[in-house]
Each structure stands twice: as C-alpha cells, then as structure tokens.
PDB file of N, CA and C in Angstrom:
ATOM      1  N   MET A   1     -12.500  -7.149  19.221  1.00  0.00           N
ATOM      2  CA  MET A   1     -11.500  -7.009  18.193  1.00  0.00           C
ATOM      3  C   MET A   1     -10.567  -5.854  18.540  1.00  0.00           C
ATOM      4  N   LYS A   2      -9.319  -6.030  18.172  1.00  0.00           N
ATOM      5  CA  LYS A   2      -8.357  -4.962  18.400  1.00  0.00           C
ATOM      6  C   LYS A   2      -8.281  -4.071  17.175  1.00  0.00           C
ATOM      7  N   LEU A   3      -7.932  -2.809  17.394  1.00  0.00           N
ATOM      8  CA  LEU A   3      -7.819  -1.862  16.294  1.00  0.00           C
ATOM      9  C   LEU A   3      -6.425  -1.973  15.690  1.00  0.00           C
ATOM     10  N   ILE A   4      -6.359  -2.143  14.385  1.00  0.00           N
ATOM     11  CA  ILE A   4      -5.074  -2.267  13.701  1.00  0.00           C
ATOM     12  C   ILE A   4      -4.851  -1.061  12.803  1.00  0.00           C
ATOM     13  N   VAL A   5      -3.609  -0.868  12.391  1.00  0.00           N
ATOM     14  CA  VAL A   5      -3.261   0.240  11.512  1.00  0.00           C
ATOM     15  C   VAL A   5      -3.069  -0.309  10.105  1.00  0.00           C
ATOM     16  N   VAL A   6      -3.813   0.237   9.160  1.00  0.00           N
ATOM     17  CA  VAL A   6      -3.665  -0.145   7.761  1.00  0.00           C
ATOM     18  C   VAL A   6      -3.149   1.073   7.013  1.00  0.00           C
ATOM     19  N   THR A   7      -2.131   0.869   6.169  1.00  0.00           N
ATOM     20  CA  THR A   7      -1.565   1.965   5.386  1.00  0.00           C
ATOM     21  C   THR A   7      -1.691   1.630   3.905  1.00  0.00           C
ATOM     22  N   PRO A   8      -2.091   2.593   3.089  1.00  0.00           N
ATOM     23  CA  PRO A   8      -2.248   2.316   1.660  1.00  0.00           C
ATOM     24  C   PRO A   8      -0.904   2.134   0.966  1.00  0.00           C
ATOM     25  N   ARG A   9      -0.885   1.286  -0.049  1.00  0.00           N
ATOM     26  CA  ARG A   9       0.310   1.066  -0.870  1.00  0.00           C
ATOM     27  C   ARG A   9       0.218   1.985  -2.082  1.00  0.00           C
ATOM     28  N   ALA A  10       1.237   2.801  -2.281  1.00  0.00           N
ATOM     29  CA  ALA A  10       1.272   3.730  -3.413  1.00  0.00           C
ATOM     30  C   ALA A  10       2.124   3.144  -4.521  1.00  0.00           C
ATOM     31  N   THR A  11       1.548   2.218  -5.282  1.00  0.00           N
ATOM     32  CA  THR A  11       2.247   1.603  -6.403  1.00  0.00           C
ATOM     33  C   THR A  11       1.397   1.760  -7.654  1.00  0.00           C
ATOM     34  N   GLU A  12       2.001   1.491  -8.798  1.00  0.00           N
ATOM     35  CA  GLU A  12       1.266   1.606 -10.054  1.00  0.00           C
ATOM     36  C   GLU A  12       0.127   0.597 -10.133  1.00  0.00           C
ATOM     37  N   LYS A  13       0.377  -0.614  -9.668  1.00  0.00           N
ATOM     38  CA  LYS A  13      -0.661  -1.642  -9.695  1.00  0.00           C
ATOM     39  C   LYS A  13      -1.821  -1.253  -8.780  1.00  0.00           C
ATOM     40  N   ALA A  14      -1.514  -0.719  -7.599  1.00  0.00           N
ATOM     41  CA  ALA A  14      -2.563  -0.307  -6.664  1.00  0.00           C
ATOM     42  C   ALA A  14      -3.407   0.819  -7.261  1.00  0.00           C
ATOM     43  N   TYR A  15      -2.760   1.762  -7.934  1.00  0.00           N
ATOM     44  CA  TYR A  15      -3.493   2.864  -8.562  1.00  0.00           C
ATOM     45  C   TYR A  15      -4.398   2.344  -9.674  1.00  0.00           C
ATOM     46  N   ARG A  16      -3.899   1.383 -10.455  1.00  0.00           N
ATOM     47  CA  ARG A  16      -4.703   0.804 -11.536  1.00  0.00           C
ATOM     48  C   ARG A  16      -5.937   0.092 -10.978  1.00  0.00           C
ATOM     49  N   LEU A  17      -5.786  -0.616  -9.859  1.00  0.00           N
ATOM     50  CA  LEU A  17      -6.913  -1.322  -9.250  1.00  0.00           C
ATOM     51  C   LEU A  17      -7.958  -0.347  -8.716  1.00  0.00           C
ATOM     52  N   VAL A  18      -7.504   0.797  -8.187  1.00  0.00           N
ATOM     53  CA  VAL A  18      -8.436   1.795  -7.661  1.00  0.00           C
ATOM     54  C   VAL A  18      -9.277   2.366  -8.790  1.00  0.00           C
ATOM     55  N   THR A  19      -8.642   2.723  -9.882  1.00  0.00           N
ATOM     56  CA  THR A  19      -9.377   3.365 -10.971  1.00  0.00           C
ATOM     57  C   THR A  19     -10.258   2.385 -11.731  1.00  0.00           C
ATOM     58  N   GLY A  20      -9.843   1.129 -11.848  1.00  0.00           N
ATOM     59  CA  GLY A  20     -10.594   0.182 -12.654  1.00  0.00           C
ATOM     60  C   GLY A  20     -11.621  -0.633 -11.892  1.00  0.00           C
ATOM     61  N   GLN A  21     -11.254  -1.135 -10.704  1.00  0.00           N
ATOM     62  CA  GLN A  21     -12.110  -2.105 -10.032  1.00  0.00           C
ATOM     63  C   GLN A  21     -12.594  -1.664  -8.652  1.00  0.00           C
ATOM     64  N   ASN A  22     -12.276  -0.421  -8.243  1.00  0.00           N
ATOM     65  CA  ASN A  22     -12.644   0.086  -6.920  1.00  0.00           C
ATOM     66  C   ASN A  22     -12.078  -0.808  -5.809  1.00  0.00           C
ATOM     67  N   THR A  23     -10.849  -1.296  -6.023  1.00  0.00           N
ATOM     68  CA  THR A  23     -10.151  -2.137  -5.057  1.00  0.00           C
ATOM     69  C   THR A  23      -8.929  -1.385  -4.550  1.00  0.00           C
ATOM     70  N   TYR A  24      -8.782  -1.311  -3.245  1.00  0.00           N
ATOM     71  CA  TYR A  24      -7.668  -0.600  -2.625  1.00  0.00           C
ATOM     72  C   TYR A  24      -6.712  -1.608  -2.004  1.00  0.00           C
ATOM     73  N   VAL A  25      -5.409  -1.313  -2.059  1.00  0.00           N
ATOM     74  CA  VAL A  25      -4.387  -2.204  -1.535  1.00  0.00           C
ATOM     75  C   VAL A  25      -3.773  -1.547  -0.303  1.00  0.00           C
ATOM     76  N   PHE A  26      -3.709  -2.309   0.800  1.00  0.00           N
ATOM     77  CA  PHE A  26      -3.175  -1.800   2.061  1.00  0.00           C
ATOM     78  C   PHE A  26      -2.084  -2.722   2.590  1.00  0.00           C
ATOM     79  N   ASN A  27      -1.101  -2.130   3.286  1.00  0.00           N
ATOM     80  CA  ASN A  27      -0.157  -2.909   4.086  1.00  0.00           C
ATOM     81  C   ASN A  27      -0.801  -3.125   5.445  1.00  0.00           C
ATOM     82  N   VAL A  28      -0.806  -4.354   5.909  1.00  0.00           N
ATOM     83  CA  VAL A  28      -1.428  -4.670   7.193  1.00  0.00           C
ATOM     84  C   VAL A  28      -0.470  -5.525   8.022  1.00  0.00           C
ATOM     85  N   PRO A  29      -0.665  -5.596   9.343  1.00  0.00           N
ATOM     86  CA  PRO A  29       0.166  -6.487  10.159  1.00  0.00           C
ATOM     87  C   PRO A  29      -0.026  -7.950   9.758  1.00  0.00           C
ATOM     88  N   VAL A  30       1.011  -8.744   9.920  1.00  0.00           N
ATOM     89  CA  VAL A  30       0.970 -10.141   9.489  1.00  0.00           C
ATOM     90  C   VAL A  30      -0.060 -10.940  10.291  1.00  0.00           C
ATOM     91  N   ASN A  31      -0.293 -10.571  11.547  1.00  0.00           N
ATOM     92  CA  ASN A  31      -1.212 -11.337  12.386  1.00  0.00           C
ATOM     93  C   ASN A  31      -2.663 -10.842  12.310  1.00  0.00           C
ATOM     94  N   ALA A  32      -2.961  -9.881  11.423  1.00  0.00           N
ATOM     95  CA  ALA A  32      -4.324  -9.362  11.295  1.00  0.00           C
ATOM     96  C   ALA A  32      -5.164 -10.294  10.427  1.00  0.00           C
ATOM     97  N   ASN A  33      -6.433 -10.467  10.816  1.00  0.00           N
ATOM     98  CA  ASN A  33      -7.328 -11.292  10.004  1.00  0.00           C
ATOM     99  C   ASN A  33      -8.266 -10.403   9.183  1.00  0.00           C
ATOM    100  N   LYS A  34      -9.073 -11.010   8.330  1.00  0.00           N
ATOM    101  CA  LYS A  34      -9.910 -10.255   7.399  1.00  0.00           C
ATOM    102  C   LYS A  34     -10.960  -9.404   8.112  1.00  0.00           C
ATOM    103  N   ASN A  35     -11.529  -9.921   9.193  1.00  0.00           N
ATOM    104  CA  ASN A  35     -12.543  -9.150   9.927  1.00  0.00           C
ATOM    105  C   ASN A  35     -11.937  -7.906  10.555  1.00  0.00           C
ATOM    106  N   GLU A  36     -10.725  -8.004  11.093  1.00  0.00           N
ATOM    107  CA  GLU A  36     -10.053  -6.844  11.686  1.00  0.00           C
ATOM    108  C   GLU A  36      -9.703  -5.812  10.613  1.00  0.00           C
ATOM    109  N   ILE A  37      -9.273  -6.284   9.449  1.00  0.00           N
ATOM    110  CA  ILE A  37      -8.937  -5.371   8.353  1.00  0.00           C
ATOM    111  C   ILE A  37     -10.185  -4.622   7.891  1.00  0.00           C
ATOM    112  N   LYS A  38     -11.291  -5.345   7.745  1.00  0.00           N
ATOM    113  CA  LYS A  38     -12.546  -4.723   7.324  1.00  0.00           C
ATOM    114  C   LYS A  38     -12.993  -3.661   8.325  1.00  0.00           C
ATOM    115  N   ALA A  39     -12.924  -3.987   9.613  1.00  0.00           N
ATOM    116  CA  ALA A  39     -13.329  -3.034  10.650  1.00  0.00           C
ATOM    117  C   ALA A  39     -12.419  -1.810  10.662  1.00  0.00           C
ATOM    118  N   ALA A  40     -11.122  -1.997  10.454  1.00  0.00           N
ATOM    119  CA  ALA A  40     -10.180  -0.875  10.476  1.00  0.00           C
ATOM    120  C   ALA A  40     -10.406   0.062   9.293  1.00  0.00           C
ATOM    121  N   VAL A  41     -10.648  -0.485   8.111  1.00  0.00           N
ATOM    122  CA  VAL A  41     -10.874   0.346   6.922  1.00  0.00           C
ATOM    123  C   VAL A  41     -12.171   1.136   7.074  1.00  0.00           C
ATOM    124  N   GLU A  42     -13.220   0.502   7.565  1.00  0.00           N
ATOM    125  CA  GLU A  42     -14.497   1.202   7.745  1.00  0.00           C
ATOM    126  C   GLU A  42     -14.410   2.240   8.859  1.00  0.00           C
ATOM    127  N   ALA A  43     -13.593   1.995   9.893  1.00  0.00           N
ATOM    128  CA  ALA A  43     -13.450   2.957  10.978  1.00  0.00           C
ATOM    129  C   ALA A  43     -12.630   4.172  10.545  1.00  0.00           C
ATOM    130  N   GLU A  44     -11.592   3.964   9.738  1.00  0.00           N
ATOM    131  CA  GLU A  44     -10.740   5.075   9.302  1.00  0.00           C
ATOM    132  C   GLU A  44     -11.430   5.972   8.278  1.00  0.00           C
ATOM    133  N   ASN A  45     -12.279   5.409   7.448  1.00  0.00           N
ATOM    134  CA  ASN A  45     -12.903   6.153   6.362  1.00  0.00           C
ATOM    135  C   ASN A  45     -14.410   6.128   6.523  1.00  0.00           C
ATOM    136  N   GLU A  46     -14.994   7.294   6.756  1.00  0.00           N
ATOM    137  CA  GLU A  46     -16.433   7.384   6.970  1.00  0.00           C
ATOM    138  C   GLU A  46     -17.185   7.232   5.650  1.00  0.00           C
ATOM    139  N   GLY A  47     -18.317   6.586   5.698  1.00  0.00           N
ATOM    140  CA  GLY A  47     -19.152   6.412   4.516  1.00  0.00           C
ATOM    141  C   GLY A  47     -18.661   5.343   3.561  1.00  0.00           C
ATOM    142  N   VAL A  48     -17.822   4.442   4.058  1.00  0.00           N
ATOM    143  CA  VAL A  48     -17.258   3.390   3.222  1.00  0.00           C
ATOM    144  C   VAL A  48     -17.803   2.054   3.689  1.00  0.00           C
ATOM    145  N   LYS A  49     -18.262   1.229   2.745  1.00  0.00           N
ATOM    146  CA  LYS A  49     -18.726  -0.115   3.060  1.00  0.00           C
ATOM    147  C   LYS A  49     -17.864  -1.107   2.290  1.00  0.00           C
ATOM    148  N   VAL A  50     -17.234  -2.042   3.013  1.00  0.00           N
ATOM    149  CA  VAL A  50     -16.331  -3.017   2.423  1.00  0.00           C
ATOM    150  C   VAL A  50     -17.138  -4.211   1.929  1.00  0.00           C
ATOM    151  N   ALA A  51     -16.915  -4.583   0.671  1.00  0.00           N
ATOM    152  CA  ALA A  51     -17.601  -5.743   0.097  1.00  0.00           C
ATOM    153  C   ALA A  51     -16.799  -7.019   0.343  1.00  0.00           C
ATOM    154  N   SER A  52     -15.476  -6.982   0.099  1.00  0.00           N
ATOM    155  CA  SER A  52     -14.661  -8.184   0.292  1.00  0.00           C
ATOM    156  C   SER A  52     -13.228  -7.795   0.622  1.00  0.00           C
ATOM    157  N   VAL A  53     -12.524  -8.728   1.270  1.00  0.00           N
ATOM    158  CA  VAL A  53     -11.120  -8.546   1.626  1.00  0.00           C
ATOM    159  C   VAL A  53     -10.360  -9.795   1.210  1.00  0.00           C
ATOM    160  N   LYS A  54      -9.292  -9.608   0.444  1.00  0.00           N
ATOM    161  CA  LYS A  54      -8.396 -10.703   0.082  1.00  0.00           C
ATOM    162  C   LYS A  54      -7.025 -10.364   0.644  1.00  0.00           C
ATOM    163  N   THR A  55      -6.359 -11.366   1.228  1.00  0.00           N
ATOM    164  CA  THR A  55      -5.057 -11.112   1.830  1.00  0.00           C
ATOM    165  C   THR A  55      -3.985 -11.979   1.175  1.00  0.00           C
ATOM    166  N   VAL A  56      -2.757 -11.435   1.160  1.00  0.00           N
ATOM    167  CA  VAL A  56      -1.602 -12.124   0.605  1.00  0.00           C
ATOM    168  C   VAL A  56      -0.442 -11.924   1.569  1.00  0.00           C
ATOM    169  N   VAL A  57       0.219 -13.016   1.967  1.00  0.00           N
ATOM    170  CA  VAL A  57       1.418 -12.918   2.791  1.00  0.00           C
ATOM    171  C   VAL A  57       2.613 -13.116   1.874  1.00  0.00           C
ATOM    172  N   GLN A  58       3.462 -12.085   1.824  1.00  0.00           N
ATOM    173  CA  GLN A  58       4.647 -12.132   0.981  1.00  0.00           C
ATOM    174  C   GLN A  58       5.823 -12.485   1.868  1.00  0.00           C
ATOM    175  N   SER A  59       6.454 -13.623   1.608  1.00  0.00           N
ATOM    176  CA  SER A  59       7.555 -14.057   2.463  1.00  0.00           C
ATOM    177  C   SER A  59       8.778 -13.188   2.214  1.00  0.00           C
ATOM    178  N   GLY A  60       9.563 -12.965   3.277  1.00  0.00           N
ATOM    179  CA  GLY A  60      10.738 -12.118   3.194  1.00  0.00           C
ATOM    180  C   GLY A  60      11.834 -12.752   2.361  1.00  0.00           C
ATOM    181  N   LYS A  61      12.568 -11.920   1.648  1.00  0.00           N
ATOM    182  CA  LYS A  61      13.641 -12.413   0.789  1.00  0.00           C
ATOM    183  C   LYS A  61      14.837 -12.853   1.628  1.00  0.00           C
ATOM    184  N   ALA A  62      15.579 -13.804   1.103  1.00  0.00           N
ATOM    185  CA  ALA A  62      16.829 -14.223   1.734  1.00  0.00           C
ATOM    186  C   ALA A  62      17.903 -13.182   1.422  1.00  0.00           C
ATOM    187  N   VAL A  63      18.654 -12.787   2.440  1.00  0.00           N
ATOM    188  CA  VAL A  63      19.667 -11.753   2.295  1.00  0.00           C
ATOM    189  C   VAL A  63      20.996 -12.289   2.806  1.00  0.00           C
ATOM    190  N   ARG A  64      22.058 -12.078   2.037  1.00  0.00           N
ATOM    191  CA  ARG A  64      23.391 -12.484   2.478  1.00  0.00           C
ATOM    192  C   ARG A  64      24.063 -11.307   3.166  1.00  0.00           C
ATOM    193  N   PHE A  65      24.874 -11.592   4.174  1.00  0.00           N
ATOM    194  CA  PHE A  65      25.616 -10.531   4.833  1.00  0.00           C
ATOM    195  C   PHE A  65      26.999 -11.043   5.197  1.00  0.00           C
ATOM    196  N   SER A  66      27.914 -10.121   5.390  1.00  0.00           N
ATOM    197  CA  SER A  66      29.296 -10.471   5.702  1.00  0.00           C
ATOM    198  C   SER A  66      29.558 -10.236   7.186  1.00  0.00           C
ATOM    199  N   ARG A  67      30.328 -11.149   7.791  1.00  0.00           N
ATOM    200  CA  ARG A  67      30.689 -10.977   9.197  1.00  0.00           C
ATOM    201  C   ARG A  67      32.155 -10.573   9.329  1.00  0.00           C
ATOM    202  N   GLY A  68      32.658  -9.884   8.349  1.00  0.00           N
ATOM    203  CA  GLY A  68      34.026  -9.401   8.408  1.00  0.00           C
ATOM    204  C   GLY A  68      34.937 -10.194   7.497  1.00  0.00           C
ATOM    205  N   LYS A  69      36.180  -9.762   7.456  1.00  0.00           N
ATOM    206  CA  LYS A  69      37.169 -10.381   6.582  1.00  0.00           C
ATOM    207  C   LYS A  69      37.526 -11.770   7.092  1.00  0.00           C
ATOM    208  N   ASN A  70      37.703 -12.707   6.158  1.00  0.00           N
ATOM    209  CA  ASN A  70      38.131 -14.072   6.457  1.00  0.00           C
ATOM    210  C   ASN A  70      37.121 -14.871   7.283  1.00  0.00           C
ATOM    211  N   ARG A  71      35.889 -14.516   7.240  1.00  0.00           N
ATOM    212  CA  ARG A  71      34.854 -15.284   7.944  1.00  0.00           C
ATOM    213  C   ARG A  71      33.849 -15.790   6.936  1.00  0.00           C
ATOM    214  N   TYR A  72      33.085 -16.753   7.355  1.00  0.00           N
ATOM    215  CA  TYR A  72      32.054 -17.292   6.481  1.00  0.00           C
ATOM    216  C   TYR A  72      30.906 -16.298   6.355  1.00  0.00           C
ATOM    217  N   PRO A  73      30.368 -16.144   5.149  1.00  0.00           N
ATOM    218  CA  PRO A  73      29.219 -15.251   5.000  1.00  0.00           C
ATOM    219  C   PRO A  73      27.987 -15.867   5.650  1.00  0.00           C
ATOM    220  N   GLY A  74      27.116 -15.048   6.130  1.00  0.00           N
ATOM    221  CA  GLY A  74      25.885 -15.526   6.749  1.00  0.00           C
ATOM    222  C   GLY A  74      24.682 -15.185   5.893  1.00  0.00           C
ATOM    223  N   THR A  75      23.582 -15.804   6.203  1.00  0.00           N
ATOM    224  CA  THR A  75      22.334 -15.489   5.515  1.00  0.00           C
ATOM    225  C   THR A  75      21.243 -15.280   6.549  1.00  0.00           C
ATOM    226  N   THR A  76      20.312 -14.445   6.192  1.00  0.00           N
ATOM    227  CA  THR A  76      19.143 -14.191   7.023  1.00  0.00           C
ATOM    228  C   THR A  76      17.982 -13.883   6.082  1.00  0.00           C
ATOM    229  N   THR A  77      16.812 -13.680   6.614  1.00  0.00           N
ATOM    230  CA  THR A  77      15.665 -13.330   5.786  1.00  0.00           C
ATOM    231  C   THR A  77      15.036 -12.042   6.285  1.00  0.00           C
ATOM    232  N   ARG A  78      14.490 -11.283   5.358  1.00  0.00           N
ATOM    233  CA  ARG A  78      13.759 -10.077   5.728  1.00  0.00           C
ATOM    234  C   ARG A  78      12.410 -10.484   6.307  1.00  0.00           C
ATOM    235  N   GLN A  79      11.756  -9.529   6.939  1.00  0.00           N
ATOM    236  CA  GLN A  79      10.468  -9.828   7.558  1.00  0.00           C
ATOM    237  C   GLN A  79       9.403 -10.097   6.503  1.00  0.00           C
ATOM    238  N   ASP A  80       8.460 -10.958   6.848  1.00  0.00           N
ATOM    239  CA  ASP A  80       7.310 -11.202   5.988  1.00  0.00           C
ATOM    240  C   ASP A  80       6.399  -9.979   6.019  1.00  0.00           C
ATOM    241  N   THR A  81       5.723  -9.724   4.906  1.00  0.00           N
ATOM    242  CA  THR A  81       4.769  -8.626   4.846  1.00  0.00           C
ATOM    243  C   THR A  81       3.418  -9.168   4.393  1.00  0.00           C
ATOM    244  N   LYS A  82       2.367  -8.453   4.756  1.00  0.00           N
ATOM    245  CA  LYS A  82       1.025  -8.872   4.384  1.00  0.00           C
ATOM    246  C   LYS A  82       0.329  -7.717   3.685  1.00  0.00           C
ATOM    247  N   LYS A  83      -0.334  -8.034   2.558  1.00  0.00           N
ATOM    248  CA  LYS A  83      -1.090  -7.052   1.800  1.00  0.00           C
ATOM    249  C   LYS A  83      -2.564  -7.449   1.838  1.00  0.00           C
ATOM    250  N   ALA A  84      -3.421  -6.453   1.867  1.00  0.00           N
ATOM    251  CA  ALA A  84      -4.858  -6.700   1.835  1.00  0.00           C
ATOM    252  C   ALA A  84      -5.451  -5.971   0.638  1.00  0.00           C
ATOM    253  N   TYR A  85      -6.188  -6.707  -0.180  1.00  0.00           N
ATOM    254  CA  TYR A  85      -6.912  -6.133  -1.312  1.00  0.00           C
ATOM    255  C   TYR A  85      -8.356  -5.951  -0.867  1.00  0.00           C
ATOM    256  N   VAL A  86      -8.768  -4.699  -0.669  1.00  0.00           N
ATOM    257  CA  VAL A  86     -10.087  -4.384  -0.129  1.00  0.00           C
ATOM    258  C   VAL A  86     -10.958  -3.831  -1.251  1.00  0.00           C
ATOM    259  N   THR A  87     -12.061  -4.517  -1.541  1.00  0.00           N
ATOM    260  CA  THR A  87     -13.018  -4.066  -2.550  1.00  0.00           C
ATOM    261  C   THR A  87     -14.181  -3.389  -1.842  1.00  0.00           C
ATOM    262  N   LEU A  88     -14.535  -2.204  -2.313  1.00  0.00           N
ATOM    263  CA  LEU A  88     -15.612  -1.430  -1.686  1.00  0.00           C
ATOM    264  C   LEU A  88     -16.902  -1.563  -2.481  1.00  0.00           C
ATOM    265  N   SER A  89     -18.025  -1.621  -1.751  1.00  0.00           N
ATOM    266  CA  SER A  89     -19.326  -1.615  -2.412  1.00  0.00           C
ATOM    267  C   SER A  89     -19.924  -0.217  -2.407  1.00  0.00           C
ATOM    268  N   GLU A  90     -19.579   0.589  -1.374  1.00  0.00           N
ATOM    269  CA  GLU A  90     -20.080   1.960  -1.279  1.00  0.00           C
ATOM    270  C   GLU A  90     -18.956   2.878  -0.849  1.00  0.00           C
ATOM    271  N   GLY A  91     -18.946   4.086  -1.406  1.00  0.00           N
ATOM    272  CA  GLY A  91     -17.993   5.102  -0.985  1.00  0.00           C
ATOM    273  C   GLY A  91     -16.666   5.010  -1.711  1.00  0.00           C
ATOM    274  N   LYS A  92     -15.813   6.001  -1.437  1.00  0.00           N
ATOM    275  CA  LYS A  92     -14.472   6.053  -2.002  1.00  0.00           C
ATOM    276  C   LYS A  92     -13.503   6.493  -0.918  1.00  0.00           C
ATOM    277  N   ILE A  93     -12.245   6.108  -1.101  1.00  0.00           N
ATOM    278  CA  ILE A  93     -11.179   6.484  -0.179  1.00  0.00           C
ATOM    279  C   ILE A  93     -10.227   7.386  -0.936  1.00  0.00           C
ATOM    280  N   LYS A  94      -9.848   8.517  -0.333  1.00  0.00           N
ATOM    281  CA  LYS A  94      -8.911   9.427  -0.990  1.00  0.00           C
ATOM    282  C   LYS A  94      -7.486   8.944  -0.720  1.00  0.00           C
ATOM    283  N   VAL A  95      -7.008   8.077  -1.584  1.00  0.00           N
ATOM    284  CA  VAL A  95      -5.638   7.568  -1.462  1.00  0.00           C
ATOM    285  C   VAL A  95      -4.721   8.325  -2.402  1.00  0.00           C
ATOM    286  N   PHE A  96      -5.123   8.446  -3.645  1.00  0.00           N
ATOM    287  CA  PHE A  96      -4.339   9.127  -4.649  1.00  0.00           C
ATOM    288  C   PHE A  96      -5.064  10.410  -5.027  1.00  0.00           C
ATOM    289  N   ASP A  97      -4.422  11.547  -4.789  1.00  0.00           N
ATOM    290  CA  ASP A  97      -5.020  12.824  -5.146  1.00  0.00           C
ATOM    291  C   ASP A  97      -4.651  13.149  -6.585  1.00  0.00           C
ATOM    292  N   THR A  98      -5.583  12.947  -7.492  1.00  0.00           N
ATOM    293  CA  THR A  98      -5.293  13.190  -8.906  1.00  0.00           C
ATOM    294  C   THR A  98      -5.253  14.676  -9.215  1.00  0.00           C
ATOM    295  N   GLU A  99      -5.889  15.525  -8.399  1.00  0.00           N
ATOM    296  CA  GLU A  99      -5.881  16.963  -8.642  1.00  0.00           C
ATOM    297  C   GLU A  99      -4.477  17.527  -8.482  1.00  0.00           C
ATOM    298  N   GLU A 100      -3.726  17.059  -7.488  1.00  0.00           N
ATOM    299  CA  GLU A 100      -2.371  17.551  -7.260  1.00  0.00           C
ATOM    300  C   GLU A 100      -1.461  17.182  -8.419  1.00  0.00           C
ATOM    301  N   VAL A 101      -1.609  15.986  -8.948  1.00  0.00           N
ATOM    302  CA  VAL A 101      -0.774  15.539 -10.059  1.00  0.00           C
ATOM    303  C   VAL A 101      -1.055  16.395 -11.288  1.00  0.00           C
ATOM    304  N   ALA A 102      -2.304  16.713 -11.532  1.00  0.00           N
ATOM    305  CA  ALA A 102      -2.661  17.533 -12.684  1.00  0.00           C
ATOM    306  C   ALA A 102      -2.098  18.944 -12.544  1.00  0.00           C
ATOM    307  N   ASP A 103      -2.019  19.479 -11.323  1.00  0.00           N
ATOM    308  CA  ASP A 103      -1.496  20.823 -11.106  1.00  0.00           C
ATOM    309  C   ASP A 103       0.017  20.877 -11.265  1.00  0.00           C
ATOM    310  N   GLU A 104       0.731  19.799 -10.967  1.00  0.00           N
ATOM    311  CA  GLU A 104       2.186  19.807 -11.019  1.00  0.00           C
ATOM    312  C   GLU A 104       2.720  19.847 -12.447  1.00  0.00           C
ATOM    313  N   LYS A 105       2.061  19.236 -13.389  1.00  0.00           N
ATOM    314  CA  LYS A 105       2.559  19.168 -14.762  1.00  0.00           C
ATOM    315  C   LYS A 105       2.671  20.543 -15.417  1.00  0.00           C
ATOM    316  N   PRO A 106       1.684  21.432 -15.307  1.00  0.00           N
ATOM    317  CA  PRO A 106       1.850  22.758 -15.906  1.00  0.00           C
ATOM    318  C   PRO A 106       2.984  23.557 -15.256  1.00  0.00           C
ATOM    319  N   LYS A 107       3.217  23.364 -13.975  1.00  0.00           N
ATOM    320  CA  LYS A 107       4.294  24.078 -13.292  1.00  0.00           C
ATOM    321  C   LYS A 107       5.644  23.663 -13.866  1.00  0.00           C
ATOM    322  N   LYS A 108       5.824  22.371 -14.131  1.00  0.00           N
ATOM    323  CA  LYS A 108       7.085  21.891 -14.696  1.00  0.00           C
ATOM    324  C   LYS A 108       7.281  22.459 -16.093  1.00  0.00           C
ATOM    325  N   ALA A 109       6.215  22.515 -16.879  1.00  0.00           N
ATOM    326  CA  ALA A 109       6.309  23.053 -18.232  1.00  0.00           C
ATOM    327  C   ALA A 109       6.635  24.542 -18.181  1.00  0.00           C
ATOM    328  N   ALA A 110       6.078  25.267 -17.218  1.00  0.00           N
ATOM    329  CA  ALA A 110       6.339  26.681 -17.073  1.00  0.00           C
ATOM    330  C   ALA A 110       7.794  26.933 -16.681  1.00  0.00           C
ATOM    331  N   LYS A 111       8.346  26.081 -15.825  1.00  0.00           N
ATOM    332  CA  LYS A 111       9.744  26.223 -15.424  1.00  0.00           C
ATOM    333  C   LYS A 111      10.678  25.985 -16.598  1.00  0.00           C
ATOM    334  N   LYS A 112      10.365  25.032 -17.470  1.00  0.00           N
ATOM    335  CA  LYS A 112      11.191  24.774 -18.642  1.00  0.00           C
ATOM    336  C   LYS A 112      11.170  25.972 -19.591  1.00  0.00           C
ATOM    337  N   GLU A 113      10.013  26.619 -19.736  1.00  0.00           N
ATOM    338  CA  GLU A 113       9.910  27.771 -20.603  1.00  0.00           C
ATOM    339  C   GLU A 113      10.692  28.964 -20.056  1.00  0.00           C
ATOM    340  N   GLU A 114      10.740  29.099 -18.722  1.00  0.00           N
ATOM    341  CA  GLU A 114      11.484  30.187 -18.108  1.00  0.00           C
ATOM    342  C   GLU A 114      12.978  30.022 -18.329  1.00  0.00           C
ATOM    343  N   LYS A 115      13.465  28.780 -18.339  1.00  0.00           N
ATOM    344  CA  LYS A 115      14.883  28.530 -18.539  1.00  0.00           C
ATOM    345  C   LYS A 115      15.326  28.877 -19.953  1.00  0.00           C
ATOM    346  N   LYS A 116      14.422  28.743 -20.928  1.00  0.00           N
ATOM    347  CA  LYS A 116      14.758  29.025 -22.329  1.00  0.00           C
ATOM    348  C   LYS A 116      14.851  30.475 -22.553  1.00  0.00           C
TER     349      LYS A 116
END
C-alpha cells in the first residue's frame, strides 16, 4: 500500500461529528481507497484504532468563464474532491483544540473593556 496524505476538514459539521459520534472528517485523494485511508489515519495518530471508514466523492461544480470581449463564454468544471468519514473505536485525534478557543474569548472581552 502507498502512503497517502489525509487532512482534517475544519467545518461546523465536522466539529459536531467529533463531539457527538467520535467521527472525524478528512480530505483525501480521489484515487485513495478505504484501506489506504485507514492505514494513513492510524499511522499519523498513535494509539488510534479505526472502526469504520465511509467515503464520499463530491463532483466539481460547473464554472463559466469568459474568453474576452465578443467571444462565446466557455464552461469548465472544478476538480472532484473526496471526503472520508472515519469512526474511531479507540483513542482520540487532536483536530480541534478547544482550550485555545476558550482562552481567546476572555481576551476579546478584556480588549473591549480597555476601549471603554
């Protein structure tokens, strides 16, 4: 098997899945299969055991573009992307640092008080 690069998706839905169902969402190459994704996640994160992997291929959107004045407009499509929903049976992955978010809120409140 070849080693692939998986990157976590930082979206609201991905964060909700992590906190509720222990499922992490990753961007993966379109040609990667489930076994390669499982091996890559377990290799990148020590002490993690993958229970299941679900994949979704999102087709690229159609995009219109102009080829200059007085010419016919053209169309093309963006690249397809693939997402992997990885459910863990053991361990956790530090994707979202909740400690940093908690520390930032008091700083913002302190800055507002200084301005007053």
